[in-house]
Amino acid sequence: IAADVAGYSRLVEENEEDTLRRFIAASQVFKALVQD
């Protein structure tokens, strides 16, 4: 599985902290489902 965020550079440029916070939350969901 290869995953990548669509338009990540644009989201970081508009609001860097909010984008990073939501990306970390999505990564935790990603990791849990992979283990399941």
All heavy atoms as atom14 arrays in JSON, in Angstrom:
{
  "sequence": "IAADVAGYSRLVEENEEDTLRRFIAASQVFKALVQD",
  "atom14_mask": [
    [1, 1, 1, 1, 1, 1, 1, 1, 0, 0, 0, 0, 0, 0],
    [1, 1, 1, 1, 1, 0, 0, 0, 0, 0, 0, 0, 0, 0],
    [1, 1, 1, 1, 1, 0, 0, 0, 0, 0, 0, 0, 0, 0],
    [1, 1, 1, 1, 1, 1, 1, 1, 0, 0, 0, 0, 0, 0],
    [1, 1, 1, 1, 1, 1, 1, 0, 0, 0, 0, 0, 0, 0],
    [1, 1, 1, 1, 1, 0, 0, 0, 0, 0, 0, 0, 0, 0],
    [1, 1, 1, 1, 0, 0, 0, 0, 0, 0, 0, 0, 0, 0],
    [1, 1, 1, 1, 1, 1, 1, 1, 1, 1, 1, 1, 0, 0],
    [1, 1, 1, 1, 1, 1, 0, 0, 0, 0, 0, 0, 0, 0],
    [1, 1, 1, 1, 1, 1, 1, 1, 1, 1, 1, 0, 0, 0],
    [1, 1, 1, 1, 1, 1, 1, 1, 0, 0, 0, 0, 0, 0],
    [1, 1, 1, 1, 1, 1, 1, 0, 0, 0, 0, 0, 0, 0],
    [1, 1, 1, 1, 1, 1, 1, 1, 1, 0, 0, 0, 0, 0],
    [1, 1, 1, 1, 1, 1, 1, 1, 1, 0, 0, 0, 0, 0],
    [1, 1, 1, 1, 1, 1, 1, 1, 0, 0, 0, 0, 0, 0],
    [1, 1, 1, 1, 1, 1, 1, 1, 1, 0, 0, 0, 0, 0],
    [1, 1, 1, 1, 1, 1, 1, 1, 1, 0, 0, 0, 0, 0],
    [1, 1, 1, 1, 1, 1, 1, 1, 0, 0, 0, 0, 0, 0],
    [1, 1, 1, 1, 1, 1, 1, 0, 0, 0, 0, 0, 0, 0],
    [1, 1, 1, 1, 1, 1, 1, 1, 0, 0, 0, 0, 0, 0],
    [1, 1, 1, 1, 1, 1, 1, 1, 1, 1, 1, 0, 0, 0],
    [1, 1, 1, 1, 1, 1, 1, 1, 1, 1, 1, 0, 0, 0],
    [1, 1, 1, 1, 1, 1, 1, 1, 1, 1, 1, 0, 0, 0],
    [1, 1, 1, 1, 1, 1, 1, 1, 0, 0, 0, 0, 0, 0],
    [1, 1, 1, 1, 1, 0, 0, 0, 0, 0, 0, 0, 0, 0],
    [1, 1, 1, 1, 1, 0, 0, 0, 0, 0, 0, 0, 0, 0],
    [1, 1, 1, 1, 1, 1, 0, 0, 0, 0, 0, 0, 0, 0],
    [1, 1, 1, 1, 1, 1, 1, 1, 1, 0, 0, 0, 0, 0],
    [1, 1, 1, 1, 1, 1, 1, 0, 0, 0, 0, 0, 0, 0],
    [1, 1, 1, 1, 1, 1, 1, 1, 1, 1, 1, 0, 0, 0],
    [1, 1, 1, 1, 1, 1, 1, 1, 1, 0, 0, 0, 0, 0],
    [1, 1, 1, 1, 1, 0, 0, 0, 0, 0, 0, 0, 0, 0],
    [1, 1, 1, 1, 1, 1, 1, 1, 0, 0, 0, 0, 0, 0],
    [1, 1, 1, 1, 1, 1, 1, 0, 0, 0, 0, 0, 0, 0],
    [1, 1, 1, 1, 1, 1, 1, 1, 1, 0, 0, 0, 0, 0],
    [1, 1, 1, 1, 1, 1, 1, 1, 0, 0, 0, 0, 0, 0]
  ],
  "atom14_positions": [
    [[0.87, -1.19, 0.0], [0.0, 0.0, 0.0], [0.9, 1.23, 0.0], [1.8, 1.35, 0.85], [-0.94, 0.02, 1.23], [-2.15, -0.87, 0.99], [-1.41, 1.44, 1.51], [-3.15, -0.86, 2.14], [0.0, 0.0, 0.0], [0.0, 0.0, 0.0], [0.0, 0.0, 0.0], [0.0, 0.0, 0.0], [0.0, 0.0, 0.0], [0.0, 0.0, 0.0]],
    [[0.66, 2.13, -0.93], [1.36, 3.42, -0.99], [0.31, 4.51, -0.88], [-0.61, 4.58, -1.71], [2.15, 3.55, -2.28], [0.0, 0.0, 0.0], [0.0, 0.0, 0.0], [0.0, 0.0, 0.0], [0.0, 0.0, 0.0], [0.0, 0.0, 0.0], [0.0, 0.0, 0.0], [0.0, 0.0, 0.0], [0.0, 0.0, 0.0], [0.0, 0.0, 0.0]],
    [[0.41, 5.36, 0.16], [-0.57, 6.42, 0.41], [0.13, 7.77, 0.44], [1.29, 7.88, 0.89], [-1.3, 6.17, 1.74], [0.0, 0.0, 0.0], [0.0, 0.0, 0.0], [0.0, 0.0, 0.0], [0.0, 0.0, 0.0], [0.0, 0.0, 0.0], [0.0, 0.0, 0.0], [0.0, 0.0, 0.0], [0.0, 0.0, 0.0], [0.0, 0.0, 0.0]],
    [[-0.58, 8.79, -0.03], [-0.02, 10.14, -0.08], [-1.19, 11.12, 0.05], [-2.27, 10.88, -0.49], [0.72, 10.37, -1.39], [1.49, 11.67, -1.38], [2.44, 11.78, -0.6], [1.14, 12.55, -2.18], [0.0, 0.0, 0.0], [0.0, 0.0, 0.0], [0.0, 0.0, 0.0], [0.0, 0.0, 0.0], [0.0, 0.0, 0.0], [0.0, 0.0, 0.0]],
    [[-0.94, 12.24, 0.77], [-1.99, 13.23, 0.98], [-2.14, 14.08, -0.27], [-1.15, 14.6, -0.81], [-1.68, 14.11, 2.2], [-2.76, 15.18, 2.38], [-1.58, 13.24, 3.45], [0.0, 0.0, 0.0], [0.0, 0.0, 0.0], [0.0, 0.0, 0.0], [0.0, 0.0, 0.0], [0.0, 0.0, 0.0], [0.0, 0.0, 0.0], [0.0, 0.0, 0.0]],
    [[-3.37, 14.23, -0.75], [-3.66, 15.04, -1.94], [-3.59, 16.52, -1.59], [-4.27, 16.98, -0.66], [-5.04, 14.69, -2.49], [0.0, 0.0, 0.0], [0.0, 0.0, 0.0], [0.0, 0.0, 0.0], [0.0, 0.0, 0.0], [0.0, 0.0, 0.0], [0.0, 0.0, 0.0], [0.0, 0.0, 0.0], [0.0, 0.0, 0.0], [0.0, 0.0, 0.0]],
    [[-2.76, 17.3, -2.3], [-2.64, 18.74, -2.07], [-2.03, 19.08, -0.73], [-2.4, 20.09, -0.11], [0.0, 0.0, 0.0], [0.0, 0.0, 0.0], [0.0, 0.0, 0.0], [0.0, 0.0, 0.0], [0.0, 0.0, 0.0], [0.0, 0.0, 0.0], [0.0, 0.0, 0.0], [0.0, 0.0, 0.0], [0.0, 0.0, 0.0], [0.0, 0.0, 0.0]],
    [[-1.08, 18.29, -0.28], [-0.5, 18.51, 1.05], [0.29, 19.82, 1.11], [0.21, 20.55, 2.11], [0.4, 17.32, 1.41], [1.0, 17.41, 2.79], [0.23, 17.15, 3.93], [2.35, 17.74, 2.96], [0.79, 17.23, 5.2], [2.91, 17.81, 4.22], [2.13, 17.55, 5.33], [2.69, 17.64, 6.6], [0.0, 0.0, 0.0], [0.0, 0.0, 0.0]],
    [[1.05, 20.14, 0.08], [1.84, 21.38, 0.11], [0.94, 22.6, 0.19], [1.24, 23.58, 0.9], [2.72, 21.45, -1.14], [3.61, 20.35, -1.21], [0.0, 0.0, 0.0], [0.0, 0.0, 0.0], [0.0, 0.0, 0.0], [0.0, 0.0, 0.0], [0.0, 0.0, 0.0], [0.0, 0.0, 0.0], [0.0, 0.0, 0.0], [0.0, 0.0, 0.0]],
    [[-0.2, 22.59, -0.51], [-1.13, 23.73, -0.46], [-1.75, 23.86, 0.93], [-1.86, 24.99, 1.47], [-2.23, 23.52, -1.5], [-3.3, 24.62, -1.51], [-4.4, 24.3, -2.51], [-5.04, 23.03, -2.22], [-6.03, 22.88, -1.31], [-6.43, 23.91, -0.58], [-6.56, 21.7, -1.11], [0.0, 0.0, 0.0], [0.0, 0.0, 0.0], [0.0, 0.0, 0.0]],
    [[-2.11, 22.73, 1.57], [-2.71, 22.78, 2.91], [-1.7, 23.3, 3.94], [-2.05, 24.07, 4.84], [-3.19, 21.37, 3.31], [-4.33, 20.79, 2.48], [-4.62, 19.36, 2.9], [-5.59, 21.64, 2.61], [0.0, 0.0, 0.0], [0.0, 0.0, 0.0], [0.0, 0.0, 0.0], [0.0, 0.0, 0.0], [0.0, 0.0, 0.0], [0.0, 0.0, 0.0]],
    [[-0.43, 22.88, 3.81], [0.59, 23.36, 4.74], [0.83, 24.84, 4.55], [1.02, 25.6, 5.53], [1.89, 22.56, 4.55], [3.03, 23.18, 5.36], [1.7, 21.11, 4.97], [0.0, 0.0, 0.0], [0.0, 0.0, 0.0], [0.0, 0.0, 0.0], [0.0, 0.0, 0.0], [0.0, 0.0, 0.0], [0.0, 0.0, 0.0], [0.0, 0.0, 0.0]],
    [[0.82, 25.33, 3.33], [1.04, 26.75, 3.08], [-0.09, 27.6, 3.64], [0.14, 28.7, 4.18], [1.19, 26.97, 1.58], [1.54, 28.41, 1.22], [1.68, 28.59, -0.28], [1.46, 27.61, -1.03], [2.04, 29.71, -0.71], [0.0, 0.0, 0.0], [0.0, 0.0, 0.0], [0.0, 0.0, 0.0], [0.0, 0.0, 0.0], [0.0, 0.0, 0.0]],
    [[-1.31, 27.1, 3.56], [-2.45, 27.88, 4.07], [-2.49, 27.89, 5.59], [-2.75, 28.93, 6.2], [-3.76, 27.29, 3.52], [-3.91, 27.49, 2.02], [-5.18, 26.83, 1.5], [-5.88, 26.17, 2.31], [-5.47, 26.95, 0.29], [0.0, 0.0, 0.0], [0.0, 0.0, 0.0], [0.0, 0.0, 0.0], [0.0, 0.0, 0.0], [0.0, 0.0, 0.0]],
    [[-2.3, 26.73, 6.23], [-2.31, 26.66, 7.69], [-1.43, 25.49, 8.1], [-1.85, 24.34, 8.08], [-3.73, 26.46, 8.23], [-3.83, 26.71, 9.72], [-2.85, 26.58, 10.46], [-5.03, 27.06, 10.2], [0.0, 0.0, 0.0], [0.0, 0.0, 0.0], [0.0, 0.0, 0.0], [0.0, 0.0, 0.0], [0.0, 0.0, 0.0], [0.0, 0.0, 0.0]],
    [[-0.21, 25.78, 8.45], [0.78, 24.74, 8.7], [0.45, 23.94, 9.94], [0.44, 22.71, 9.91], [2.17, 25.38, 8.82], [3.28, 24.36, 8.99], [4.65, 25.02, 9.06], [4.7, 26.25, 9.21], [5.66, 24.3, 8.97], [0.0, 0.0, 0.0], [0.0, 0.0, 0.0], [0.0, 0.0, 0.0], [0.0, 0.0, 0.0], [0.0, 0.0, 0.0]],
    [[0.16, 24.6, 11.09], [-0.05, 23.88, 12.34], [-1.3, 23.04, 12.29], [-1.31, 21.88, 12.73], [-0.13, 24.88, 13.51], [1.19, 25.59, 13.78], [1.08, 26.53, 14.97], [-0.04, 26.62, 15.53], [2.09, 27.14, 15.33], [0.0, 0.0, 0.0], [0.0, 0.0, 0.0], [0.0, 0.0, 0.0], [0.0, 0.0, 0.0], [0.0, 0.0, 0.0]],
    [[-2.37, 23.56, 11.74], [-3.61, 22.8, 11.66], [-3.44, 21.58, 10.74], [-3.95, 20.49, 11.05], [-4.73, 23.7, 11.14], [-6.03, 22.95, 11.0], [-6.61, 22.55, 12.04], [-6.48, 22.74, 9.85], [0.0, 0.0, 0.0], [0.0, 0.0, 0.0], [0.0, 0.0, 0.0], [0.0, 0.0, 0.0], [0.0, 0.0, 0.0], [0.0, 0.0, 0.0]],
    [[-2.73, 21.77, 9.65], [-2.52, 20.65, 8.73], [-1.68, 19.57, 9.39], [-1.99, 18.36, 9.27], [-1.82, 21.15, 7.45], [-2.64, 22.15, 6.84], [-1.62, 20.01, 6.48], [0.0, 0.0, 0.0], [0.0, 0.0, 0.0], [0.0, 0.0, 0.0], [0.0, 0.0, 0.0], [0.0, 0.0, 0.0], [0.0, 0.0, 0.0], [0.0, 0.0, 0.0]],
    [[-0.6, 19.92, 10.08], [0.24, 18.93, 10.74], [-0.53, 18.19, 11.83], [-0.38, 16.98, 12.01], [1.48, 19.6, 11.32], [2.49, 20.15, 10.31], [3.64, 20.86, 11.03], [3.05, 19.04, 9.43], [0.0, 0.0, 0.0], [0.0, 0.0, 0.0], [0.0, 0.0, 0.0], [0.0, 0.0, 0.0], [0.0, 0.0, 0.0], [0.0, 0.0, 0.0]],
    [[-1.37, 18.91, 12.62], [-2.15, 18.27, 13.68], [-3.12, 17.25, 13.1], [-3.22, 16.13, 13.6], [-2.91, 19.35, 14.47], [-3.79, 18.8, 15.58], [-4.45, 19.96, 16.33], [-5.17, 20.83, 15.41], [-6.4, 20.55, 14.94], [-7.01, 19.44, 15.25], [-6.99, 21.42, 14.15], [0.0, 0.0, 0.0], [0.0, 0.0, 0.0], [0.0, 0.0, 0.0]],
    [[-3.81, 17.6, 12.06], [-4.78, 16.67, 11.47], [-4.06, 15.52, 10.75], [-4.57, 14.4, 10.68], [-5.69, 17.41, 10.5], [-6.65, 18.35, 11.23], [-7.75, 18.9, 10.35], [-7.24, 19.81, 9.33], [-7.39, 19.63, 8.02], [-8.01, 18.56, 7.57], [-6.9, 20.5, 7.17], [0.0, 0.0, 0.0], [0.0, 0.0, 0.0], [0.0, 0.0, 0.0]],
    [[-2.85, 15.76, 10.18], [-2.1, 14.68, 9.54], [-1.63, 13.65, 10.57], [-1.65, 12.44, 10.31], [-0.89, 15.25, 8.79], [-0.01, 14.19, 8.18], [-0.42, 13.47, 7.05], [1.22, 13.88, 8.74], [0.38, 12.49, 6.49], [2.02, 12.9, 8.19], [1.6, 12.19, 7.06], [0.0, 0.0, 0.0], [0.0, 0.0, 0.0], [0.0, 0.0, 0.0]],
    [[-1.23, 14.1, 11.77], [-0.81, 13.17, 12.82], [-2.0, 12.31, 13.26], [-1.86, 11.09, 13.47], [-0.22, 13.95, 14.01], [1.1, 14.6, 13.59], [0.02, 13.01, 15.2], [1.69, 15.53, 14.64], [0.0, 0.0, 0.0], [0.0, 0.0, 0.0], [0.0, 0.0, 0.0], [0.0, 0.0, 0.0], [0.0, 0.0, 0.0], [0.0, 0.0, 0.0]],
    [[-3.2, 12.91, 13.36], [-4.38, 12.15, 13.75], [-4.72, 11.11, 12.68], [-5.06, 9.96, 12.99], [-5.56, 13.1, 13.97], [0.0, 0.0, 0.0], [0.0, 0.0, 0.0], [0.0, 0.0, 0.0], [0.0, 0.0, 0.0], [0.0, 0.0, 0.0], [0.0, 0.0, 0.0], [0.0, 0.0, 0.0], [0.0, 0.0, 0.0], [0.0, 0.0, 0.0]],
    [[-4.63, 11.49, 11.42], [-4.91, 10.54, 10.34], [-3.86, 9.44, 10.3], [-4.17, 8.27, 10.0], [-4.96, 11.28, 9.01], [0.0, 0.0, 0.0], [0.0, 0.0, 0.0], [0.0, 0.0, 0.0], [0.0, 0.0, 0.0], [0.0, 0.0, 0.0], [0.0, 0.0, 0.0], [0.0, 0.0, 0.0], [0.0, 0.0, 0.0], [0.0, 0.0, 0.0]],
    [[-2.62, 9.76, 10.64], [-1.56, 8.74, 10.66], [-1.8, 7.71, 11.75], [-1.5, 6.52, 11.56], [-0.19, 9.41, 10.87], [0.1, 10.3, 9.81], [0.0, 0.0, 0.0], [0.0, 0.0, 0.0], [0.0, 0.0, 0.0], [0.0, 0.0, 0.0], [0.0, 0.0, 0.0], [0.0, 0.0, 0.0], [0.0, 0.0, 0.0], [0.0, 0.0, 0.0]],
    [[-2.34, 8.12, 12.9], [-2.65, 7.17, 13.97], [-3.74, 6.2, 13.52], [-3.66, 4.99, 13.78], [-3.08, 7.92, 15.22], [-2.02, 8.8, 15.84], [-0.81, 8.01, 16.31], [-0.92, 6.86, 16.75], [0.37, 8.63, 16.22], [0.0, 0.0, 0.0], [0.0, 0.0, 0.0], [0.0, 0.0, 0.0], [0.0, 0.0, 0.0], [0.0, 0.0, 0.0]],
    [[-4.75, 6.72, 12.83], [-5.8, 5.85, 12.3], [-5.19, 4.88, 11.27], [-5.52, 3.69, 11.24], [-6.92, 6.7, 11.66], [-7.94, 5.82, 10.96], [-7.6, 7.53, 12.74], [0.0, 0.0, 0.0], [0.0, 0.0, 0.0], [0.0, 0.0, 0.0], [0.0, 0.0, 0.0], [0.0, 0.0, 0.0], [0.0, 0.0, 0.0], [0.0, 0.0, 0.0]],
    [[-4.32, 5.39, 10.43], [-3.67, 4.58, 9.4], [-2.9, 3.43, 10.06], [-3.01, 2.26, 9.65], [-2.71, 5.47, 8.59], [-2.32, 4.91, 7.25], [-2.83, 5.45, 6.08], [-1.44, 3.84, 7.16], [-2.46, 4.96, 4.85], [-1.07, 3.34, 5.93], [-1.58, 3.88, 4.76], [0.0, 0.0, 0.0], [0.0, 0.0, 0.0], [0.0, 0.0, 0.0]],
    [[-2.12, 3.74, 11.09], [-1.29, 2.73, 11.74], [-2.14, 1.66, 12.42], [-1.83, 0.46, 12.35], [-0.38, 3.42, 12.76], [0.59, 2.47, 13.45], [1.5, 3.25, 14.41], [2.46, 2.3, 15.1], [3.37, 3.05, 16.04], [0.0, 0.0, 0.0], [0.0, 0.0, 0.0], [0.0, 0.0, 0.0], [0.0, 0.0, 0.0], [0.0, 0.0, 0.0]],
    [[-3.22, 2.06, 13.07], [-4.08, 1.09, 13.77], [-4.74, 0.13, 12.8], [-4.79, -1.09, 13.04], [-5.13, 1.84, 14.59], [0.0, 0.0, 0.0], [0.0, 0.0, 0.0], [0.0, 0.0, 0.0], [0.0, 0.0, 0.0], [0.0, 0.0, 0.0], [0.0, 0.0, 0.0], [0.0, 0.0, 0.0], [0.0, 0.0, 0.0], [0.0, 0.0, 0.0]],
    [[-5.24, 0.63, 11.67], [-5.89, -0.25, 10.71], [-4.91, -1.19, 10.03], [-5.25, -2.33, 9.7], [-6.62, 0.6, 9.67], [-7.89, 1.3, 10.17], [-8.46, 2.21, 9.1], [-8.93, 0.28, 10.6], [0.0, 0.0, 0.0], [0.0, 0.0, 0.0], [0.0, 0.0, 0.0], [0.0, 0.0, 0.0], [0.0, 0.0, 0.0], [0.0, 0.0, 0.0]],
    [[-3.69, -0.74, 9.81], [-2.68, -1.62, 9.23], [-2.4, -2.8, 10.16], [-2.29, -3.96, 9.71], [-1.39, -0.83, 8.93], [-0.24, -1.77, 8.6], [-1.61, 0.12, 7.78], [0.0, 0.0, 0.0], [0.0, 0.0, 0.0], [0.0, 0.0, 0.0], [0.0, 0.0, 0.0], [0.0, 0.0, 0.0], [0.0, 0.0, 0.0], [0.0, 0.0, 0.0]],
    [[-2.3, -2.55, 11.45], [-2.06, -3.63, 12.4], [-3.25, -4.58, 12.48], [-3.07, -5.79, 12.65], [-1.75, -3.05, 13.78], [-0.42, -2.32, 13.84], [-0.14, -1.72, 15.21], [-1.02, -1.77, 16.11], [1.04, -1.15, 15.39], [0.0, 0.0, 0.0], [0.0, 0.0, 0.0], [0.0, 0.0, 0.0], [0.0, 0.0, 0.0], [0.0, 0.0, 0.0]],
    [[-4.49, -4.04, 12.38], [-5.67, -4.89, 12.43], [-5.75, -5.85, 11.25], [-6.37, -6.92, 11.37], [-6.93, -4.02, 12.47], [-7.05, -3.24, 13.77], [-6.34, -3.61, 14.74], [-7.79, -2.26, 13.81], [0.0, 0.0, 0.0], [0.0, 0.0, 0.0], [0.0, 0.0, 0.0], [0.0, 0.0, 0.0], [0.0, 0.0, 0.0], [0.0, 0.0, 0.0]]
  ]
}
